[in-house]
């Protein structure tokens, strides 16, 4: 029996990362059908269909669902539309892969969690599926001391950069395998560059006792994401492959007592050298589809993503502190 995939939202993120992932998955799995894609802009839906091999294009997602009855629905809509669209898809009983952030606020992700009920779903935090990041997590010992994450962009004067910064917030939780306990947040406001532009520094502690430092600089001179992890006698340096990054395809170095033990580049980990593969887009989509086909519950679900949304909300509201017990 065919496994039918549908996509809602055919914008830049869908076209850059998810469309190529779906096309590859369908090529390698003969029983998979890319049945339909949808966008309120009919021309965008049609061009997406033609580029990635979908059978039909729609401009109304409820019409698509009623006509196609897909087995998996991928939602890649603008952030302000994620909650209403995903809640409606849940109400109709369809498994969902949704782009980040899964809700703009704690209230919204709680609404999504309630709407999901027992419907299988996954949040598309692609860093959790980036081969180099997963390799770093595999190498890490059970007890860590300190974790740092630097996150820089060029000329990002967004009114709300927190919806991008959530990638770094979530990646730290994923690498450490623990939630945040207490964070202190400082802002370097740059009003001459825009009313909402600011560098953001986050320092704190995880529930495991690991200390963390995250630096978000949206108007720096280079696009990079870099992690440093410290443990007794061990240090890891990670350069994350992301679109437009100076560091792509990325690198992972492990030092023990002053000696370089291993060094891997992004092309040597995983099974592809295209950016949608090196940056985790293929793996996150394939994991969701594979889990559904095997009858498994996807791992990166809404409850797992909840605290990342909470801290994102704290950054947006320019709070000076985040305390998990009060969240």
C-alpha atoms as a PDB file:
ATOM      1  CA  UNK A   1       0.000   0.000   0.000  1.00  0.00           C
ATOM      2  CA  UNK A   2       1.284   3.458  -0.892  1.00  0.00           C
ATOM      3  CA  UNK A   3       2.463   5.851   1.815  1.00  0.00           C
ATOM      4  CA  UNK A   4       1.095   9.268   0.836  1.00  0.00           C
ATOM      5  CA  UNK A   5       2.838  12.534   1.746  1.00  0.00           C
ATOM      6  CA  UNK A   6       1.311  16.006   1.480  1.00  0.00           C
ATOM      7  CA  UNK A   7       2.895  19.404   2.094  1.00  0.00           C
ATOM      8  CA  UNK A   8       1.194  22.601   3.253  1.00  0.00           C
ATOM      9  CA  UNK A   9       3.266  25.714   2.590  1.00  0.00           C
ATOM     10  CA  UNK A  10       5.583  26.044  -0.417  1.00  0.00           C
ATOM     11  CA  UNK A  11       7.714  29.027   0.616  1.00  0.00           C
ATOM     12  CA  UNK A  12      11.453  29.468   0.978  1.00  0.00           C
ATOM     13  CA  UNK A  13      12.075  26.982   3.789  1.00  0.00           C
ATOM     14  CA  UNK A  14       9.993  24.292   2.110  1.00  0.00           C
ATOM     15  CA  UNK A  15      11.711  24.855  -1.224  1.00  0.00           C
ATOM     16  CA  UNK A  16      15.235  25.062   0.179  1.00  0.00           C
ATOM     17  CA  UNK A  17      15.283  22.161   2.616  1.00  0.00           C
ATOM     18  CA  UNK A  18      12.132  20.080   2.715  1.00  0.00           C
ATOM     19  CA  UNK A  19      11.243  19.749  -0.957  1.00  0.00           C
ATOM     20  CA  UNK A  20      14.629  18.218  -1.866  1.00  0.00           C
ATOM     21  CA  UNK A  21      14.323  15.896   1.148  1.00  0.00           C
ATOM     22  CA  UNK A  22      10.879  14.693   0.051  1.00  0.00           C
ATOM     23  CA  UNK A  23      12.048  14.176  -3.525  1.00  0.00           C
ATOM     24  CA  UNK A  24      15.000  12.059  -2.382  1.00  0.00           C
ATOM     25  CA  UNK A  25      12.846  10.027   0.029  1.00  0.00           C
ATOM     26  CA  UNK A  26      10.307   9.283  -2.701  1.00  0.00           C
ATOM     27  CA  UNK A  27      13.053   8.285  -5.156  1.00  0.00           C
ATOM     28  CA  UNK A  28      14.511   5.803  -2.685  1.00  0.00           C
ATOM     29  CA  UNK A  29      11.190   4.399  -1.442  1.00  0.00           C
ATOM     30  CA  UNK A  30       9.091   3.116  -4.379  1.00  0.00           C
ATOM     31  CA  UNK A  31       5.949   2.760  -2.250  1.00  0.00           C
ATOM     32  CA  UNK A  32       6.011   6.457  -1.280  1.00  0.00           C
ATOM     33  CA  UNK A  33       3.850   8.950  -3.172  1.00  0.00           C
ATOM     34  CA  UNK A  34       4.160  12.736  -3.011  1.00  0.00           C
ATOM     35  CA  UNK A  35       0.448  13.191  -3.564  1.00  0.00           C
ATOM     36  CA  UNK A  36      -0.069  16.941  -3.225  1.00  0.00           C
ATOM     37  CA  UNK A  37       1.288  20.282  -2.099  1.00  0.00           C
ATOM     38  CA  UNK A  38      -0.569  23.432  -1.142  1.00  0.00           C
ATOM     39  CA  UNK A  39       0.032  27.164  -0.902  1.00  0.00           C
ATOM     40  CA  UNK A  40      -2.378  30.097  -0.871  1.00  0.00           C
ATOM     41  CA  UNK A  41      -0.337  31.355  -3.823  1.00  0.00           C
ATOM     42  CA  UNK A  42      -1.423  28.994  -6.560  1.00  0.00           C
ATOM     43  CA  UNK A  43       1.646  29.704  -8.696  1.00  0.00           C
ATOM     44  CA  UNK A  44       3.980  28.837  -5.804  1.00  0.00           C
ATOM     45  CA  UNK A  45       2.164  25.553  -5.215  1.00  0.00           C
ATOM     46  CA  UNK A  46       2.330  24.646  -8.896  1.00  0.00           C
ATOM     47  CA  UNK A  47       6.040  25.428  -9.230  1.00  0.00           C
ATOM     48  CA  UNK A  48       6.773  23.444  -6.046  1.00  0.00           C
ATOM     49  CA  UNK A  49       4.788  20.521  -7.450  1.00  0.00           C
ATOM     50  CA  UNK A  50       6.711  20.596 -10.706  1.00  0.00           C
ATOM     51  CA  UNK A  51      10.132  20.975  -9.087  1.00  0.00           C
ATOM     52  CA  UNK A  52       9.868  18.201  -6.505  1.00  0.00           C
ATOM     53  CA  UNK A  53       7.560  15.678  -8.152  1.00  0.00           C
ATOM     54  CA  UNK A  54       4.253  16.120  -6.370  1.00  0.00           C
ATOM     55  CA  UNK A  55       1.218  14.906  -8.296  1.00  0.00           C
ATOM     56  CA  UNK A  56      -1.211  17.746  -7.660  1.00  0.00           C
ATOM     57  CA  UNK A  57      -1.192  21.327  -6.356  1.00  0.00           C
ATOM     58  CA  UNK A  58      -3.866  23.055  -4.262  1.00  0.00           C
ATOM     59  CA  UNK A  59      -4.463  26.515  -2.832  1.00  0.00           C
ATOM     60  CA  UNK A  60      -6.737  25.311   0.027  1.00  0.00           C
ATOM     61  CA  UNK A  61      -5.253  22.817   2.490  1.00  0.00           C
ATOM     62  CA  UNK A  62      -8.616  21.510   3.716  1.00  0.00           C
ATOM     63  CA  UNK A  63      -9.579  20.751   0.126  1.00  0.00           C
ATOM     64  CA  UNK A  64      -6.261  18.906  -0.256  1.00  0.00           C
ATOM     65  CA  UNK A  65      -6.827  16.810   2.857  1.00  0.00           C
ATOM     66  CA  UNK A  66     -10.384  15.907   1.906  1.00  0.00           C
ATOM     67  CA  UNK A  67      -9.393  14.875  -1.607  1.00  0.00           C
ATOM     68  CA  UNK A  68      -6.053  13.142  -0.982  1.00  0.00           C
ATOM     69  CA  UNK A  69      -6.352  11.561   2.504  1.00  0.00           C
ATOM     70  CA  UNK A  70      -2.550  11.572   3.064  1.00  0.00           C
ATOM     71  CA  UNK A  71      -0.687   9.446   5.599  1.00  0.00           C
ATOM     72  CA  UNK A  72       1.670  12.295   6.566  1.00  0.00           C
ATOM     73  CA  UNK A  73       1.160  16.055   6.441  1.00  0.00           C
ATOM     74  CA  UNK A  74       4.133  18.430   6.489  1.00  0.00           C
ATOM     75  CA  UNK A  75       3.326  22.001   7.548  1.00  0.00           C
ATOM     76  CA  UNK A  76       5.818  24.705   6.558  1.00  0.00           C
ATOM     77  CA  UNK A  77       3.796  27.904   6.863  1.00  0.00           C
ATOM     78  CA  UNK A  78       4.760  31.363   8.219  1.00  0.00           C
ATOM     79  CA  UNK A  79       5.276  31.290  11.990  1.00  0.00           C
ATOM     80  CA  UNK A  80       2.109  33.241  12.810  1.00  0.00           C
ATOM     81  CA  UNK A  81       0.018  30.641  10.963  1.00  0.00           C
ATOM     82  CA  UNK A  82       1.584  27.500  12.427  1.00  0.00           C
ATOM     83  CA  UNK A  83      -0.747  27.141  15.407  1.00  0.00           C
ATOM     84  CA  UNK A  84      -4.102  27.593  13.618  1.00  0.00           C
ATOM     85  CA  UNK A  85      -3.104  25.461  10.631  1.00  0.00           C
ATOM     86  CA  UNK A  86      -1.565  22.626  12.659  1.00  0.00           C
ATOM     87  CA  UNK A  87      -4.466  22.601  15.134  1.00  0.00           C
ATOM     88  CA  UNK A  88      -6.885  22.203  12.234  1.00  0.00           C
ATOM     89  CA  UNK A  89      -4.858  19.358  10.725  1.00  0.00           C
ATOM     90  CA  UNK A  90      -4.777  17.654  14.135  1.00  0.00           C
ATOM     91  CA  UNK A  91      -8.548  18.086  14.445  1.00  0.00           C
ATOM     92  CA  UNK A  92      -8.937  16.192  11.175  1.00  0.00           C
ATOM     93  CA  UNK A  93      -6.746  13.387  12.545  1.00  0.00           C
ATOM     94  CA  UNK A  94      -3.668  13.626  10.318  1.00  0.00           C
ATOM     95  CA  UNK A  95      -0.081  13.030  11.546  1.00  0.00           C
ATOM     96  CA  UNK A  96       1.930  16.259  11.304  1.00  0.00           C
ATOM     97  CA  UNK A  97       5.537  17.308  10.825  1.00  0.00           C
ATOM     98  CA  UNK A  98       5.598  21.026  11.643  1.00  0.00           C
ATOM     99  CA  UNK A  99       8.359  23.564  11.177  1.00  0.00           C
ATOM    100  CA  UNK A 100       9.772  25.455  14.125  1.00  0.00           C
ATOM    101  CA  UNK A 101       8.824  27.305  16.176  1.00  0.00           C
ATOM    102  CA  UNK A 102       5.888  25.115  17.215  1.00  0.00           C
ATOM    103  CA  UNK A 103       3.877  28.077  18.446  1.00  0.00           C
ATOM    104  CA  UNK A 104       4.959  31.626  19.197  1.00  0.00           C
ATOM    105  CA  UNK A 105       4.245  31.463  22.934  1.00  0.00           C
ATOM    106  CA  UNK A 106       3.883  28.988  25.776  1.00  0.00           C
ATOM    107  CA  UNK A 107       0.118  29.352  25.449  1.00  0.00           C
ATOM    108  CA  UNK A 108       0.286  28.435  21.765  1.00  0.00           C
ATOM    109  CA  UNK A 109       2.417  25.326  22.211  1.00  0.00           C
ATOM    110  CA  UNK A 110       0.130  24.217  25.031  1.00  0.00           C
ATOM    111  CA  UNK A 111      -2.784  24.685  22.624  1.00  0.00           C
ATOM    112  CA  UNK A 112      -0.951  22.544  20.075  1.00  0.00           C
ATOM    113  CA  UNK A 113      -0.183  19.838  22.646  1.00  0.00           C
ATOM    114  CA  UNK A 114      -3.845  19.694  23.640  1.00  0.00           C
ATOM    115  CA  UNK A 115      -4.969  19.610  20.004  1.00  0.00           C
ATOM    116  CA  UNK A 116      -2.534  16.827  19.125  1.00  0.00           C
ATOM    117  CA  UNK A 117      -3.912  14.390  21.661  1.00  0.00           C
ATOM    118  CA  UNK A 118      -2.795  10.962  20.476  1.00  0.00           C
ATOM    119  CA  UNK A 119      -2.105  12.022  16.863  1.00  0.00           C
ATOM    120  CA  UNK A 120       1.540  11.267  15.912  1.00  0.00           C
ATOM    121  CA  UNK A 121       3.605  14.366  15.231  1.00  0.00           C
ATOM    122  CA  UNK A 122       7.129  15.779  15.133  1.00  0.00           C
ATOM    123  CA  UNK A 123       8.689  19.238  15.370  1.00  0.00           C
ATOM    124  CA  UNK A 124      11.204  20.023  12.622  1.00  0.00           C
ATOM    125  CA  UNK A 125      14.201  21.125  14.693  1.00  0.00           C
ATOM    126  CA  UNK A 126      16.686  20.200  11.980  1.00  0.00           C
ATOM    127  CA  UNK A 127      19.759  20.645  14.220  1.00  0.00           C
ATOM    128  CA  UNK A 128      18.614  17.597  16.194  1.00  0.00           C
ATOM    129  CA  UNK A 129      19.021  15.617  12.972  1.00  0.00           C
ATOM    130  CA  UNK A 130      22.177  17.264  11.619  1.00  0.00           C
ATOM    131  CA  UNK A 131      24.697  14.405  11.243  1.00  0.00           C
ATOM    132  CA  UNK A 132      27.617  16.290  12.860  1.00  0.00           C
ATOM    133  CA  UNK A 133      25.486  17.343  15.838  1.00  0.00           C
ATOM    134  CA  UNK A 134      24.213  13.817  16.314  1.00  0.00           C
ATOM    135  CA  UNK A 135      27.792  12.518  16.122  1.00  0.00           C
ATOM    136  CA  UNK A 136      28.869  14.992  18.801  1.00  0.00           C
ATOM    137  CA  UNK A 137      26.034  13.902  21.041  1.00  0.00           C
ATOM    138  CA  UNK A 138      27.019  10.272  20.497  1.00  0.00           C
ATOM    139  CA  UNK A 139      30.606  11.018  21.582  1.00  0.00           C
ATOM    140  CA  UNK A 140      29.723  12.967  24.726  1.00  0.00           C
ATOM    141  CA  UNK A 141      30.225  11.270  28.100  1.00  0.00           C
ATOM    142  CA  UNK A 142      27.529  11.075  30.734  1.00  0.00           C
ATOM    143  CA  UNK A 143      28.899  13.955  32.799  1.00  0.00           C
ATOM    144  CA  UNK A 144      29.610  17.313  31.170  1.00  0.00           C
ATOM    145  CA  UNK A 145      30.976  20.488  32.757  1.00  0.00           C
ATOM    146  CA  UNK A 146      30.169  23.375  30.411  1.00  0.00           C
ATOM    147  CA  UNK A 147      28.593  24.018  27.005  1.00  0.00           C
ATOM    148  CA  UNK A 148      28.843  27.155  24.849  1.00  0.00           C
ATOM    149  CA  UNK A 149      26.941  28.004  21.671  1.00  0.00           C
ATOM    150  CA  UNK A 150      27.781  30.961  19.415  1.00  0.00           C
ATOM    151  CA  UNK A 151      25.112  31.953  16.913  1.00  0.00           C
ATOM    152  CA  UNK A 152      25.896  34.797  14.491  1.00  0.00           C
ATOM    153  CA  UNK A 153      24.173  36.155  11.411  1.00  0.00           C
ATOM    154  CA  UNK A 154      24.742  39.026   8.968  1.00  0.00           C
ATOM    155  CA  UNK A 155      22.380  42.016   8.803  1.00  0.00           C
ATOM    156  CA  UNK A 156      19.438  40.242  10.413  1.00  0.00           C
ATOM    157  CA  UNK A 157      17.395  43.212  11.611  1.00  0.00           C
ATOM    158  CA  UNK A 158      14.294  41.118  12.233  1.00  0.00           C
ATOM    159  CA  UNK A 159      11.474  42.486  14.334  1.00  0.00           C
ATOM    160  CA  UNK A 160      11.623  39.133  16.158  1.00  0.00           C
ATOM    161  CA  UNK A 161      14.933  37.260  15.936  1.00  0.00           C
ATOM    162  CA  UNK A 162      13.839  34.860  18.693  1.00  0.00           C
ATOM    163  CA  UNK A 163      12.136  32.601  16.136  1.00  0.00           C
ATOM    164  CA  UNK A 164      15.587  31.980  14.628  1.00  0.00           C
ATOM    165  CA  UNK A 165      17.468  31.944  17.945  1.00  0.00           C
ATOM    166  CA  UNK A 166      15.283  29.044  19.092  1.00  0.00           C
ATOM    167  CA  UNK A 167      17.574  26.803  17.016  1.00  0.00           C
ATOM    168  CA  UNK A 168      20.477  27.510  19.363  1.00  0.00           C
ATOM    169  CA  UNK A 169      18.310  27.269  22.477  1.00  0.00           C
ATOM    170  CA  UNK A 170      17.021  23.862  21.433  1.00  0.00           C
ATOM    171  CA  UNK A 171      20.374  22.516  20.233  1.00  0.00           C
ATOM    172  CA  UNK A 172      21.957  23.091  23.649  1.00  0.00           C
ATOM    173  CA  UNK A 173      19.143  21.134  25.315  1.00  0.00           C
ATOM    174  CA  UNK A 174      19.536  18.351  22.757  1.00  0.00           C
ATOM    175  CA  UNK A 175      23.313  18.072  23.111  1.00  0.00           C
ATOM    176  CA  UNK A 176      23.243  18.089  26.901  1.00  0.00           C
ATOM    177  CA  UNK A 177      20.203  15.842  27.181  1.00  0.00           C
ATOM    178  CA  UNK A 178      18.751  18.129  29.848  1.00  0.00           C
ATOM    179  CA  UNK A 179      16.427  21.098  30.295  1.00  0.00           C
ATOM    180  CA  UNK A 180      17.332  24.574  31.493  1.00  0.00           C
ATOM    181  CA  UNK A 181      17.016  25.200  35.234  1.00  0.00           C
ATOM    182  CA  UNK A 182      17.910  28.888  35.483  1.00  0.00           C
ATOM    183  CA  UNK A 183      19.039  31.415  32.873  1.00  0.00           C
ATOM    184  CA  UNK A 184      20.242  35.009  33.165  1.00  0.00           C
ATOM    185  CA  UNK A 185      19.734  36.998  29.976  1.00  0.00           C
ATOM    186  CA  UNK A 186      21.477  40.237  28.953  1.00  0.00           C
ATOM    187  CA  UNK A 187      20.731  42.401  25.940  1.00  0.00           C
ATOM    188  CA  UNK A 188      22.988  44.782  24.057  1.00  0.00           C
ATOM    189  CA  UNK A 189      20.440  46.974  22.299  1.00  0.00           C
ATOM    190  CA  UNK A 190      21.428  48.446  18.936  1.00  0.00           C
ATOM    191  CA  UNK A 191      18.639  50.961  18.186  1.00  0.00           C
ATOM    192  CA  UNK A 192      20.653  52.673  15.466  1.00  0.00           C
ATOM    193  CA  UNK A 193      20.279  49.450  13.437  1.00  0.00           C
ATOM    194  CA  UNK A 194      16.589  48.924  14.108  1.00  0.00           C
ATOM    195  CA  UNK A 195      14.079  49.138  16.957  1.00  0.00           C
ATOM    196  CA  UNK A 196      14.288  45.419  17.804  1.00  0.00           C
ATOM    197  CA  UNK A 197      17.952  44.727  17.002  1.00  0.00           C
ATOM    198  CA  UNK A 198      20.019  43.447  19.921  1.00  0.00           C
ATOM    199  CA  UNK A 199      22.799  41.043  20.770  1.00  0.00           C
ATOM    200  CA  UNK A 200      21.634  38.556  23.389  1.00  0.00           C
ATOM    201  CA  UNK A 201      23.821  36.746  25.922  1.00  0.00           C
ATOM    202  CA  UNK A 202      22.391  33.837  27.899  1.00  0.00           C
ATOM    203  CA  UNK A 203      24.162  32.295  30.906  1.00  0.00           C
ATOM    204  CA  UNK A 204      22.845  29.645  33.218  1.00  0.00           C
ATOM    205  CA  UNK A 205      22.580  26.082  34.383  1.00  0.00           C
ATOM    206  CA  UNK A 206      20.821  22.952  33.205  1.00  0.00           C
ATOM    207  CA  UNK A 207      18.953  20.513  35.421  1.00  0.00           C
ATOM    208  CA  UNK A 208      21.975  18.202  35.101  1.00  0.00           C
ATOM    209  CA  UNK A 209      24.256  20.843  36.643  1.00  0.00           C
ATOM    210  CA  UNK A 210      25.999  21.672  33.350  1.00  0.00           C
ATOM    211  CA  UNK A 211      26.664  25.400  32.961  1.00  0.00           C
ATOM    212  CA  UNK A 212      25.898  27.075  29.633  1.00  0.00           C
ATOM    213  CA  UNK A 213      26.657  30.253  27.714  1.00  0.00           C
ATOM    214  CA  UNK A 214      24.849  31.194  24.506  1.00  0.00           C
ATOM    215  CA  UNK A 215      25.617  34.279  22.395  1.00  0.00           C
ATOM    216  CA  UNK A 216      23.226  35.489  19.694  1.00  0.00           C
ATOM    217  CA  UNK A 217      24.626  38.233  17.424  1.00  0.00           C
ATOM    218  CA  UNK A 218      22.277  38.869  14.471  1.00  0.00           C
ATOM    219  CA  UNK A 219      24.225  41.728  12.825  1.00  0.00           C
ATOM    220  CA  UNK A 220      27.768  40.327  12.979  1.00  0.00           C
ATOM    221  CA  UNK A 221      30.270  39.870  10.156  1.00  0.00           C
ATOM    222  CA  UNK A 222      29.772  36.179   9.388  1.00  0.00           C
ATOM    223  CA  UNK A 223      27.148  33.430   9.504  1.00  0.00           C
ATOM    224  CA  UNK A 224      28.257  30.691  11.899  1.00  0.00           C
ATOM    225  CA  UNK A 225      26.979  28.392  14.608  1.00  0.00           C
ATOM    226  CA  UNK A 226      29.685  26.913  16.813  1.00  0.00           C
ATOM    227  CA  UNK A 227      29.512  24.798  19.944  1.00  0.00           C
ATOM    228  CA  UNK A 228      32.178  24.071  22.553  1.00  0.00           C
ATOM    229  CA  UNK A 229      31.677  21.292  25.090  1.00  0.00           C
ATOM    230  CA  UNK A 230      33.908  20.777  28.141  1.00  0.00           C
ATOM    231  CA  UNK A 231      34.190  17.640  30.273  1.00  0.00           C
ATOM    232  CA  UNK A 232      36.942  16.245  32.510  1.00  0.00           C
ATOM    233  CA  UNK A 233      40.050  15.822  30.312  1.00  0.00           C
ATOM    234  CA  UNK A 234      37.945  16.310  27.159  1.00  0.00           C
ATOM    235  CA  UNK A 235      36.958  19.208  24.867  1.00  0.00           C
ATOM    236  CA  UNK A 236      34.869  19.182  21.699  1.00  0.00           C
ATOM    237  CA  UNK A 237      34.661  21.940  19.083  1.00  0.00           C
ATOM    238  CA  UNK A 238      31.765  21.829  16.638  1.00  0.00           C
ATOM    239  CA  UNK A 239      31.216  23.951  13.519  1.00  0.00           C
ATOM    240  CA  UNK A 240      27.603  23.502  12.441  1.00  0.00           C
ATOM    241  CA  UNK A 241      26.724  23.340   8.724  1.00  0.00           C
ATOM    242  CA  UNK A 242      23.933  25.840   8.007  1.00  0.00           C
ATOM    243  CA  UNK A 243      22.984  27.669   4.824  1.00  0.00           C
ATOM    244  CA  UNK A 244      25.341  30.511   4.026  1.00  0.00           C
ATOM    245  CA  UNK A 245      27.728  29.586   6.840  1.00  0.00           C
ATOM    246  CA  UNK A 246      31.450  30.240   6.574  1.00  0.00           C
ATOM    247  CA  UNK A 247      32.037  26.880   8.280  1.00  0.00           C
ATOM    248  CA  UNK A 248      30.015  24.686   5.918  1.00  0.00           C
ATOM    249  CA  UNK A 249      30.160  21.712   5.530  1.00  0.00           C
ATOM    250  CA  UNK A 250      31.099  21.840   9.210  1.00  0.00           C
ATOM    251  CA  UNK A 251      33.707  20.194  11.412  1.00  0.00           C
ATOM    252  CA  UNK A 252      33.884  18.281  14.701  1.00  0.00           C
ATOM    253  CA  UNK A 253      37.105  18.046  16.735  1.00  0.00           C
ATOM    254  CA  UNK A 254      37.628  16.052  19.927  1.00  0.00           C
ATOM    255  CA  UNK A 255      40.608  16.714  22.202  1.00  0.00           C
ATOM    256  CA  UNK A 256      41.716  14.591  25.162  1.00  0.00           C
ATOM    257  CA  UNK A 257      44.380  15.890  27.559  1.00  0.00           C
ATOM    258  CA  UNK A 258      45.791  18.274  24.966  1.00  0.00           C
ATOM    259  CA  UNK A 259      45.823  15.839  22.047  1.00  0.00           C
ATOM    260  CA  UNK A 260      43.546  15.835  19.005  1.00  0.00           C
ATOM    261  CA  UNK A 261      41.748  12.480  19.098  1.00  0.00           C
ATOM    262  CA  UNK A 262      39.342  12.725  16.167  1.00  0.00           C
ATOM    263  CA  UNK A 263      38.495  15.264  13.489  1.00  0.00           C
ATOM    264  CA  UNK A 264      35.505  14.881  11.168  1.00  0.00           C
ATOM    265  CA  UNK A 265      34.105  17.132   8.470  1.00  0.00           C
ATOM    266  CA  UNK A 266      30.425  17.334   7.635  1.00  0.00           C
ATOM    267  CA  UNK A 267      30.818  15.412   4.417  1.00  0.00           C
ATOM    268  CA  UNK A 268      32.249  12.363   6.181  1.00  0.00           C
ATOM    269  CA  UNK A 269      29.263  11.927   8.508  1.00  0.00           C
ATOM    270  CA  UNK A 270      25.836  11.032   7.186  1.00  0.00           C
ATOM    271  CA  UNK A 271      24.968   9.877   3.691  1.00  0.00           C
ATOM    272  CA  UNK A 272      24.902  12.969   1.510  1.00  0.00           C
ATOM    273  CA  UNK A 273      26.848  16.115   0.689  1.00  0.00           C
ATOM    274  CA  UNK A 274      24.021  18.413  -0.378  1.00  0.00           C
ATOM    275  CA  UNK A 275      23.216  21.118   2.159  1.00  0.00           C
ATOM    276  CA  UNK A 276      19.711  19.763   2.802  1.00  0.00           C
ATOM    277  CA  UNK A 277      21.426  16.521   3.852  1.00  0.00           C
ATOM    278  CA  UNK A 278      24.353  17.962   5.823  1.00  0.00           C
ATOM    279  CA  UNK A 279      22.061  20.332   7.756  1.00  0.00           C
ATOM    280  CA  UNK A 280      19.598  17.649   8.851  1.00  0.00           C
ATOM    281  CA  UNK A 281      16.578  18.378   6.665  1.00  0.00           C
ATOM    282  CA  UNK A 282      16.648  15.002   4.974  1.00  0.00           C
ATOM    283  CA  UNK A 283      17.180  13.078   8.208  1.00  0.00           C
ATOM    284  CA  UNK A 284      14.365  14.836  10.098  1.00  0.00           C
ATOM    285  CA  UNK A 285      11.850  14.192   7.314  1.00  0.00           C
ATOM    286  CA  UNK A 286      12.994  10.596   6.806  1.00  0.00           C
ATOM    287  CA  UNK A 287      12.800   9.924  10.558  1.00  0.00           C
ATOM    288  CA  UNK A 288       9.214  11.188  10.690  1.00  0.00           C
ATOM    289  CA  UNK A 289       8.103   9.166   7.685  1.00  0.00           C
ATOM    290  CA  UNK A 290       9.957   6.039   8.846  1.00  0.00           C
ATOM    291  CA  UNK A 291       8.408   6.272  12.314  1.00  0.00           C
ATOM    292  CA  UNK A 292       4.893   6.574  10.903  1.00  0.00           C
ATOM    293  CA  UNK A 293       5.396   3.658   8.531  1.00  0.00           C
ATOM    294  CA  UNK A 294       6.752   1.497  11.379  1.00  0.00           C
ATOM    295  CA  UNK A 295       3.985   2.469  13.803  1.00  0.00           C
ATOM    296  CA  UNK A 296       6.419   4.272  16.144  1.00  0.00           C
ATOM    297  CA  UNK A 297       5.837   7.553  17.956  1.00  0.00           C
ATOM    298  CA  UNK A 298       8.218  10.239  16.626  1.00  0.00           C
ATOM    299  CA  UNK A 299      10.727  11.344  19.268  1.00  0.00           C
ATOM    300  CA  UNK A 300      10.942  15.119  18.768  1.00  0.00           C
ATOM    301  CA  UNK A 301       7.334  15.881  19.674  1.00  0.00           C
ATOM    302  CA  UNK A 302       5.609  18.980  21.031  1.00  0.00           C
ATOM    303  CA  UNK A 303       6.162  18.220  24.745  1.00  0.00           C
ATOM    304  CA  UNK A 304       9.891  17.757  24.004  1.00  0.00           C
ATOM    305  CA  UNK A 305       9.943  21.161  22.277  1.00  0.00           C
ATOM    306  CA  UNK A 306       7.957  23.033  24.935  1.00  0.00           C
ATOM    307  CA  UNK A 307      10.819  24.490  26.979  1.00  0.00           C
ATOM    308  CA  UNK A 308      12.586  25.766  23.867  1.00  0.00           C
ATOM    309  CA  UNK A 309       9.445  27.780  23.079  1.00  0.00           C
ATOM    310  CA  UNK A 310       9.307  29.049  26.670  1.00  0.00           C
ATOM    311  CA  UNK A 311      12.858  30.397  26.527  1.00  0.00           C
ATOM    312  CA  UNK A 312      12.259  31.820  23.032  1.00  0.00           C
ATOM    313  CA  UNK A 313       9.314  33.724  24.487  1.00  0.00           C
ATOM    314  CA  UNK A 314      11.514  35.039  27.307  1.00  0.00           C
ATOM    315  CA  UNK A 315      13.997  36.410  24.764  1.00  0.00           C
ATOM    316  CA  UNK A 316      11.249  38.035  22.705  1.00  0.00           C
ATOM    317  CA  UNK A 317       9.856  39.752  25.795  1.00  0.00           C
ATOM    318  CA  UNK A 318      13.371  40.885  26.785  1.00  0.00           C
ATOM    319  CA  UNK A 319      13.149  39.204  30.179  1.00  0.00           C
ATOM    320  CA  UNK A 320      16.275  39.262  32.328  1.00  0.00           C
ATOM    321  CA  UNK A 321      15.723  35.793  33.755  1.00  0.00           C
ATOM    322  CA  UNK A 322      14.171  32.431  33.026  1.00  0.00           C
ATOM    323  CA  UNK A 323      13.468  30.034  35.884  1.00  0.00           C
ATOM    324  CA  UNK A 324      12.078  26.666  34.873  1.00  0.00           C
ATOM    325  CA  UNK A 325       9.985  26.146  37.995  1.00  0.00           C
ATOM    326  CA  UNK A 326       8.176  29.416  37.349  1.00  0.00           C
ATOM    327  CA  UNK A 327       7.690  28.898  33.606  1.00  0.00           C
END
